[in-house]
PDB file of N, CA and C in Angstrom:
ATOM      1  N   UNK A   1       0.548  -1.181  -0.269  1.00  0.00           N
ATOM      2  CA  UNK A   1       0.087   0.009  -0.082  1.00  0.00           C
ATOM      3  C   UNK A   1       0.819   1.383   0.194  1.00  0.00           C
ATOM      4  N   UNK A   2       0.750   1.992  -1.041  1.00  0.00           N
ATOM      5  CA  UNK A   2       0.813   3.456  -0.599  1.00  0.00           C
ATOM      6  C   UNK A   2       0.043   4.301   0.243  1.00  0.00           C
ATOM      7  N   UNK A   3       1.405   5.700   0.460  1.00  0.00           N
ATOM      8  CA  UNK A   3       0.573   6.195   1.338  1.00  0.00           C
ATOM      9  C   UNK A   3      -0.855   8.003   0.508  1.00  0.00           C
ATOM     10  N   UNK A   4      -1.575   8.004   0.369  1.00  0.00           N
ATOM     11  CA  UNK A   4      -2.440   9.077   0.268  1.00  0.00           C
ATOM     12  C   UNK A   4      -2.824   9.880   1.088  1.00  0.00           C
ATOM     13  N   UNK A   5      -2.035  11.359   0.695  1.00  0.00           N
ATOM     14  CA  UNK A   5      -2.345  12.176   1.326  1.00  0.00           C
ATOM     15  C   UNK A   5      -3.793  13.355   0.949  1.00  0.00           C
ATOM     16  N   UNK A   6      -4.575  14.137   2.206  1.00  0.00           N
ATOM     17  CA  UNK A   6      -5.420  14.456   1.539  1.00  0.00           C
ATOM     18  C   UNK A   6      -5.333  15.395   0.646  1.00  0.00           C
ATOM     19  N   UNK A   7      -4.310  16.119   0.886  1.00  0.00           N
ATOM     20  CA  UNK A   7      -3.751  17.499   0.029  1.00  0.00           C
ATOM     21  C   UNK A   7      -2.281  17.105   0.060  1.00  0.00           C
ATOM     22  N   UNK A   8      -1.757  16.830  -1.213  1.00  0.00           N
ATOM     23  CA  UNK A   8       0.121  16.121  -1.524  1.00  0.00           C
ATOM     24  C   UNK A   8       0.279  17.212  -1.200  1.00  0.00           C
ATOM     25  N   UNK A   9       0.075  18.782  -1.774  1.00  0.00           N
ATOM     26  CA  UNK A   9       0.958  19.678  -2.005  1.00  0.00           C
ATOM     27  C   UNK A   9       1.443  20.094  -0.420  1.00  0.00           C
ATOM     28  N   UNK A  10       0.036  19.416   0.904  1.00  0.00           N
ATOM     29  CA  UNK A  10       0.462  20.370   1.838  1.00  0.00           C
ATOM     30  C   UNK A  10       0.182  19.607   2.801  1.00  0.00           C
ATOM     31  N   UNK A  11       1.593  18.462   3.196  1.00  0.00           N
ATOM     32  CA  UNK A  11       0.987  17.067   4.159  1.00  0.00           C
ATOM     33  C   UNK A  11       0.795  17.701   5.574  1.00  0.00           C
ATOM     34  N   UNK A  12       1.844  18.210   5.768  1.00  0.00           N
ATOM     35  CA  UNK A  12       2.042  18.932   7.253  1.00  0.00           C
ATOM     36  C   UNK A  12       0.935  20.564   6.866  1.00  0.00           C
ATOM     37  N   UNK A  13       0.175  20.950   7.827  1.00  0.00           N
ATOM     38  CA  UNK A  13      -0.402  22.112   7.896  1.00  0.00           C
ATOM     39  C   UNK A  13       0.778  23.273   8.811  1.00  0.00           C
ATOM     40  N   UNK A  14       1.415  23.943   7.716  1.00  0.00           N
ATOM     41  CA  UNK A  14       2.409  24.699   8.688  1.00  0.00           C
ATOM     42  C   UNK A  14       1.910  25.798   9.306  1.00  0.00           C
ATOM     43  N   UNK A  15       0.580  26.188   8.516  1.00  0.00           N
ATOM     44  CA  UNK A  15       0.036  27.212   9.836  1.00  0.00           C
ATOM     45  C   UNK A  15      -0.036  26.942  11.569  1.00  0.00           C
ATOM     46  N   UNK A  16      -0.024  25.321  11.694  1.00  0.00           N
ATOM     47  CA  UNK A  16      -0.218  25.019  13.179  1.00  0.00           C
ATOM     48  C   UNK A  16       1.810  24.958  14.038  1.00  0.00           C
ATOM     49  N   UNK A  17       2.375  25.327  12.985  1.00  0.00           N
ATOM     50  CA  UNK A  17       3.703  25.401  14.036  1.00  0.00           C
ATOM     51  C   UNK A  17       3.998  27.153  14.247  1.00  0.00           C
ATOM     52  N   UNK A  18       4.799  27.104  15.128  1.00  0.00           N
ATOM     53  CA  UNK A  18       5.167  28.331  15.644  1.00  0.00           C
ATOM     54  C   UNK A  18       5.161  29.868  14.558  1.00  0.00           C
ATOM     55  N   UNK A  19       5.106  30.707  14.770  1.00  0.00           N
ATOM     56  CA  UNK A  19       5.646  32.013  13.294  1.00  0.00           C
ATOM     57  C   UNK A  19       7.280  31.764  13.509  1.00  0.00           C
ATOM     58  N   UNK A  20       8.100  31.370  13.953  1.00  0.00           N
ATOM     59  CA  UNK A  20       9.510  31.357  13.822  1.00  0.00           C
ATOM     60  C   UNK A  20      10.111  29.815  13.405  1.00  0.00           C
ATOM     61  N   UNK A  21       8.962  28.940  12.971  1.00  0.00           N
ATOM     62  CA  UNK A  21       9.333  27.505  12.882  1.00  0.00           C
ATOM     63  C   UNK A  21      10.389  27.353  11.617  1.00  0.00           C
ATOM     64  N   UNK A  22      10.989  26.562  11.112  1.00  0.00           N
ATOM     65  CA  UNK A  22      11.992  27.012  10.202  1.00  0.00           C
ATOM     66  C   UNK A  22      11.444  26.225   8.878  1.00  0.00           C
ATOM     67  N   UNK A  23      10.622  25.221   8.877  1.00  0.00           N
ATOM     68  CA  UNK A  23       9.688  24.117   8.591  1.00  0.00           C
ATOM     69  C   UNK A  23       8.247  24.805   7.397  1.00  0.00           C
ATOM     70  N   UNK A  24       8.471  25.409   6.235  1.00  0.00           N
ATOM     71  CA  UNK A  24       7.181  25.974   5.933  1.00  0.00           C
ATOM     72  C   UNK A  24       6.497  25.193   5.253  1.00  0.00           C
ATOM     73  N   UNK A  25       6.793  23.798   4.975  1.00  0.00           N
ATOM     74  CA  UNK A  25       6.038  22.959   3.821  1.00  0.00           C
ATOM     75  C   UNK A  25       6.776  21.536   3.840  1.00  0.00           C
ATOM     76  N   UNK A  26       5.449  20.699   4.010  1.00  0.00           N
ATOM     77  CA  UNK A  26       5.909  19.645   4.159  1.00  0.00           C
ATOM     78  C   UNK A  26       4.982  18.503   2.276  1.00  0.00           C
ATOM     79  N   UNK A  27       5.290  18.299   1.438  1.00  0.00           N
ATOM     80  CA  UNK A  27       4.361  18.253  -0.037  1.00  0.00           C
ATOM     81  C   UNK A  27       5.110  16.673  -0.172  1.00  0.00           C
ATOM     82  N   UNK A  28       3.851  15.731  -0.325  1.00  0.00           N
ATOM     83  CA  UNK A  28       4.417  14.342  -1.033  1.00  0.00           C
ATOM     84  C   UNK A  28       4.298  14.807  -2.243  1.00  0.00           C
ATOM     85  N   UNK A  29       5.535  14.098  -2.458  1.00  0.00           N
ATOM     86  CA  UNK A  29       5.922  14.014  -4.447  1.00  0.00           C
ATOM     87  C   UNK A  29       6.053  12.491  -4.709  1.00  0.00           C
ATOM     88  N   UNK A  30       5.076  11.884  -4.182  1.00  0.00           N
ATOM     89  CA  UNK A  30       5.015  10.351  -5.240  1.00  0.00           C
ATOM     90  C   UNK A  30       5.373   9.182  -4.214  1.00  0.00           C
ATOM     91  N   UNK A  31       4.620   7.921  -4.790  1.00  0.00           N
ATOM     92  CA  UNK A  31       5.279   6.603  -3.957  1.00  0.00           C
ATOM     93  C   UNK A  31       5.781   5.600  -5.250  1.00  0.00           C
ATOM     94  N   UNK A  32       6.261   4.713  -5.638  1.00  0.00           N
ATOM     95  CA  UNK A  32       6.548   4.221  -6.737  1.00  0.00           C
ATOM     96  C   UNK A  32       7.884   2.923  -5.805  1.00  0.00           C
ATOM     97  N   UNK A  33       6.775   1.579  -6.124  1.00  0.00           N
ATOM     98  CA  UNK A  33       7.840   0.496  -6.050  1.00  0.00           C
ATOM     99  C   UNK A  33       8.557   0.191  -4.991  1.00  0.00           C
ATOM    100  N   UNK A  34       7.713   1.006  -3.547  1.00  0.00           N
ATOM    101  CA  UNK A  34       7.614   0.717  -2.312  1.00  0.00           C
ATOM    102  C   UNK A  34       8.821   1.777  -1.856  1.00  0.00           C
ATOM    103  N   UNK A  35       9.057   2.557  -2.451  1.00  0.00           N
ATOM    104  CA  UNK A  35       9.327   4.175  -2.033  1.00  0.00           C
ATOM    105  C   UNK A  35       8.500   4.925  -2.148  1.00  0.00           C
ATOM    106  N   UNK A  36       8.940   6.042  -0.795  1.00  0.00           N
ATOM    107  CA  UNK A  36       7.484   7.104  -0.779  1.00  0.00           C
ATOM    108  C   UNK A  36       8.372   8.374  -0.362  1.00  0.00           C
ATOM    109  N   UNK A  37       8.265   9.093  -1.430  1.00  0.00           N
ATOM    110  CA  UNK A  37       9.480  10.662  -1.397  1.00  0.00           C
ATOM    111  C   UNK A  37       8.418  12.068  -1.167  1.00  0.00           C
ATOM    112  N   UNK A  38       9.003  12.621  -0.175  1.00  0.00           N
ATOM    113  CA  UNK A  38       8.059  13.997   0.391  1.00  0.00           C
ATOM    114  C   UNK A  38       9.286  14.897   0.231  1.00  0.00           C
ATOM    115  N   UNK A  39       8.814  16.061  -0.150  1.00  0.00           N
ATOM    116  CA  UNK A  39       9.624  17.592  -0.412  1.00  0.00           C
ATOM    117  C   UNK A  39       9.475  18.481   1.164  1.00  0.00           C
ATOM    118  N   UNK A  40      10.653  18.678   2.014  1.00  0.00           N
ATOM    119  CA  UNK A  40      10.729  19.444   2.952  1.00  0.00           C
ATOM    120  C   UNK A  40      10.891  21.180   2.748  1.00  0.00           C
ATOM    121  N   UNK A  41       9.699  21.957   2.606  1.00  0.00           N
ATOM    122  CA  UNK A  41      10.486  23.485   2.469  1.00  0.00           C
ATOM    123  C   UNK A  41      10.727  24.645   3.450  1.00  0.00           C
ATOM    124  N   UNK A  42      12.153  24.553   3.648  1.00  0.00           N
ATOM    125  CA  UNK A  42      12.202  24.991   4.682  1.00  0.00           C
ATOM    126  C   UNK A  42      12.397  26.894   4.301  1.00  0.00           C
ATOM    127  N   UNK A  43      12.293  27.515   5.465  1.00  0.00           N
ATOM    128  CA  UNK A  43      12.917  29.413   5.188  1.00  0.00           C
ATOM    129  C   UNK A  43      13.745  29.578   4.883  1.00  0.00           C
ATOM    130  N   UNK A  44      15.255  28.683   4.925  1.00  0.00           N
ATOM    131  CA  UNK A  44      16.163  29.562   4.344  1.00  0.00           C
ATOM    132  C   UNK A  44      16.906  27.755   4.647  1.00  0.00           C
ATOM    133  N   UNK A  45      18.621  27.570   4.309  1.00  0.00           N
ATOM    134  CA  UNK A  45      19.120  26.173   4.298  1.00  0.00           C
ATOM    135  C   UNK A  45      19.630  26.278   5.396  1.00  0.00           C
ATOM    136  N   UNK A  46      19.588  24.910   6.390  1.00  0.00           N
ATOM    137  CA  UNK A  46      19.994  24.565   7.804  1.00  0.00           C
ATOM    138  C   UNK A  46      20.645  23.704   7.374  1.00  0.00           C
ATOM    139  N   UNK A  47      21.333  22.862   8.140  1.00  0.00           N
ATOM    140  CA  UNK A  47      21.676  21.574   8.566  1.00  0.00           C
ATOM    141  C   UNK A  47      20.826  21.015   8.749  1.00  0.00           C
ATOM    142  N   UNK A  48      20.932  19.399   8.779  1.00  0.00           N
ATOM    143  CA  UNK A  48      19.862  18.635   9.204  1.00  0.00           C
ATOM    144  C   UNK A  48      20.946  17.458   9.436  1.00  0.00           C
ATOM    145  N   UNK A  49      20.098  16.716  10.448  1.00  0.00           N
ATOM    146  CA  UNK A  49      20.519  14.921  10.638  1.00  0.00           C
ATOM    147  C   UNK A  49      19.527  14.423  10.647  1.00  0.00           C
ATOM    148  N   UNK A  50      19.498  13.154   9.805  1.00  0.00           N
ATOM    149  CA  UNK A  50      18.851  12.070   9.901  1.00  0.00           C
ATOM    150  C   UNK A  50      19.278  10.407  10.381  1.00  0.00           C
ATOM    151  N   UNK A  51      17.888  10.056  11.095  1.00  0.00           N
ATOM    152  CA  UNK A  51      18.583   9.002  11.851  1.00  0.00           C
ATOM    153  C   UNK A  51      17.365   8.321  12.209  1.00  0.00           C
ATOM    154  N   UNK A  52      17.304   6.988  11.607  1.00  0.00           N
ATOM    155  CA  UNK A  52      16.387   5.438  11.710  1.00  0.00           C
ATOM    156  C   UNK A  52      16.186   5.125  13.405  1.00  0.00           C
ATOM    157  N   UNK A  53      14.742   5.107  13.363  1.00  0.00           N
ATOM    158  CA  UNK A  53      14.882   4.997  15.098  1.00  0.00           C
ATOM    159  C   UNK A  53      14.504   3.110  15.157  1.00  0.00           C
ATOM    160  N   UNK A  54      14.074   2.094  15.896  1.00  0.00           N
ATOM    161  CA  UNK A  54      13.396   1.110  15.969  1.00  0.00           C
ATOM    162  C   UNK A  54      12.806   0.632  17.090  1.00  0.00           C
ATOM    163  N   UNK A  55      11.797   1.506  16.954  1.00  0.00           N
ATOM    164  CA  UNK A  55      11.258   1.180  18.576  1.00  0.00           C
ATOM    165  C   UNK A  55       9.935   0.080  18.832  1.00  0.00           C
ATOM    166  N   UNK A  56      10.738  -0.583  19.105  1.00  0.00           N
ATOM    167  CA  UNK A  56      10.116  -2.301  19.029  1.00  0.00           C
ATOM    168  C   UNK A  56       9.335  -2.662  18.215  1.00  0.00           C
ATOM    169  N   UNK A  57       9.916  -3.002  17.027  1.00  0.00           N
ATOM    170  CA  UNK A  57       9.651  -2.942  15.691  1.00  0.00           C
ATOM    171  C   UNK A  57       8.387  -1.895  15.012  1.00  0.00           C
ATOM    172  N   UNK A  58       8.600  -0.447  15.626  1.00  0.00           N
ATOM    173  CA  UNK A  58       8.072   0.531  14.893  1.00  0.00           C
ATOM    174  C   UNK A  58       8.789   1.533  14.347  1.00  0.00           C
ATOM    175  N   UNK A  59       9.428   0.763  13.282  1.00  0.00           N
ATOM    176  CA  UNK A  59      10.369   1.600  12.435  1.00  0.00           C
ATOM    177  C   UNK A  59      10.313   3.095  12.331  1.00  0.00           C
ATOM    178  N   UNK A  60      11.045   3.931  12.698  1.00  0.00           N
ATOM    179  CA  UNK A  60      10.655   5.738  12.106  1.00  0.00           C
ATOM    180  C   UNK A  60      12.175   6.310  11.423  1.00  0.00           C
ATOM    181  N   UNK A  61      11.646   6.990  10.650  1.00  0.00           N
ATOM    182  CA  UNK A  61      12.583   8.177  10.481  1.00  0.00           C
ATOM    183  C   UNK A  61      12.718   9.388  10.888  1.00  0.00           C
ATOM    184  N   UNK A  62      13.016  10.035  11.736  1.00  0.00           N
ATOM    185  CA  UNK A  62      13.774  11.004  12.348  1.00  0.00           C
ATOM    186  C   UNK A  62      14.750  12.236  11.533  1.00  0.00           C
ATOM    187  N   UNK A  63      13.785  13.118  11.330  1.00  0.00           N
ATOM    188  CA  UNK A  63      14.660  14.256  10.537  1.00  0.00           C
ATOM    189  C   UNK A  63      14.431  15.292  11.461  1.00  0.00           C
ATOM    190  N   UNK A  64      16.156  15.672  12.034  1.00  0.00           N
ATOM    191  CA  UNK A  64      16.351  17.234  12.612  1.00  0.00           C
ATOM    192  C   UNK A  64      16.856  18.133  12.008  1.00  0.00           C
ATOM    193  N   UNK A  65      16.072  19.066  12.345  1.00  0.00           N
ATOM    194  CA  UNK A  65      16.165  20.746  11.618  1.00  0.00           C
ATOM    195  C   UNK A  65      16.633  21.636  12.235  1.00  0.00           C
ATOM    196  N   UNK A  66      18.109  22.211  12.138  1.00  0.00           N
ATOM    197  CA  UNK A  66      18.239  23.302  12.818  1.00  0.00           C
ATOM    198  C   UNK A  66      17.947  24.488  13.054  1.00  0.00           C
ATOM    199  N   UNK A  67      17.671  24.718  13.666  1.00  0.00           N
ATOM    200  CA  UNK A  67      16.721  26.078  13.730  1.00  0.00           C
ATOM    201  C   UNK A  67      17.476  27.533  14.072  1.00  0.00           C
TER     202      UNK A  67
END
């Protein structure tokens, strides 16, 4: 199964974030052959760290963006 967001252009409602938030938009770019792609729009170019966590069989992708 692939991810099907209600609004592909705005997966995350940026209005719910604080006014100083670095993340301005998260957009769904598509799913194909088991790979799902998202785009993250930022207010400026920032350093980031990507980590994979496995919490008792529930894998998660964590993207930590500097602010």
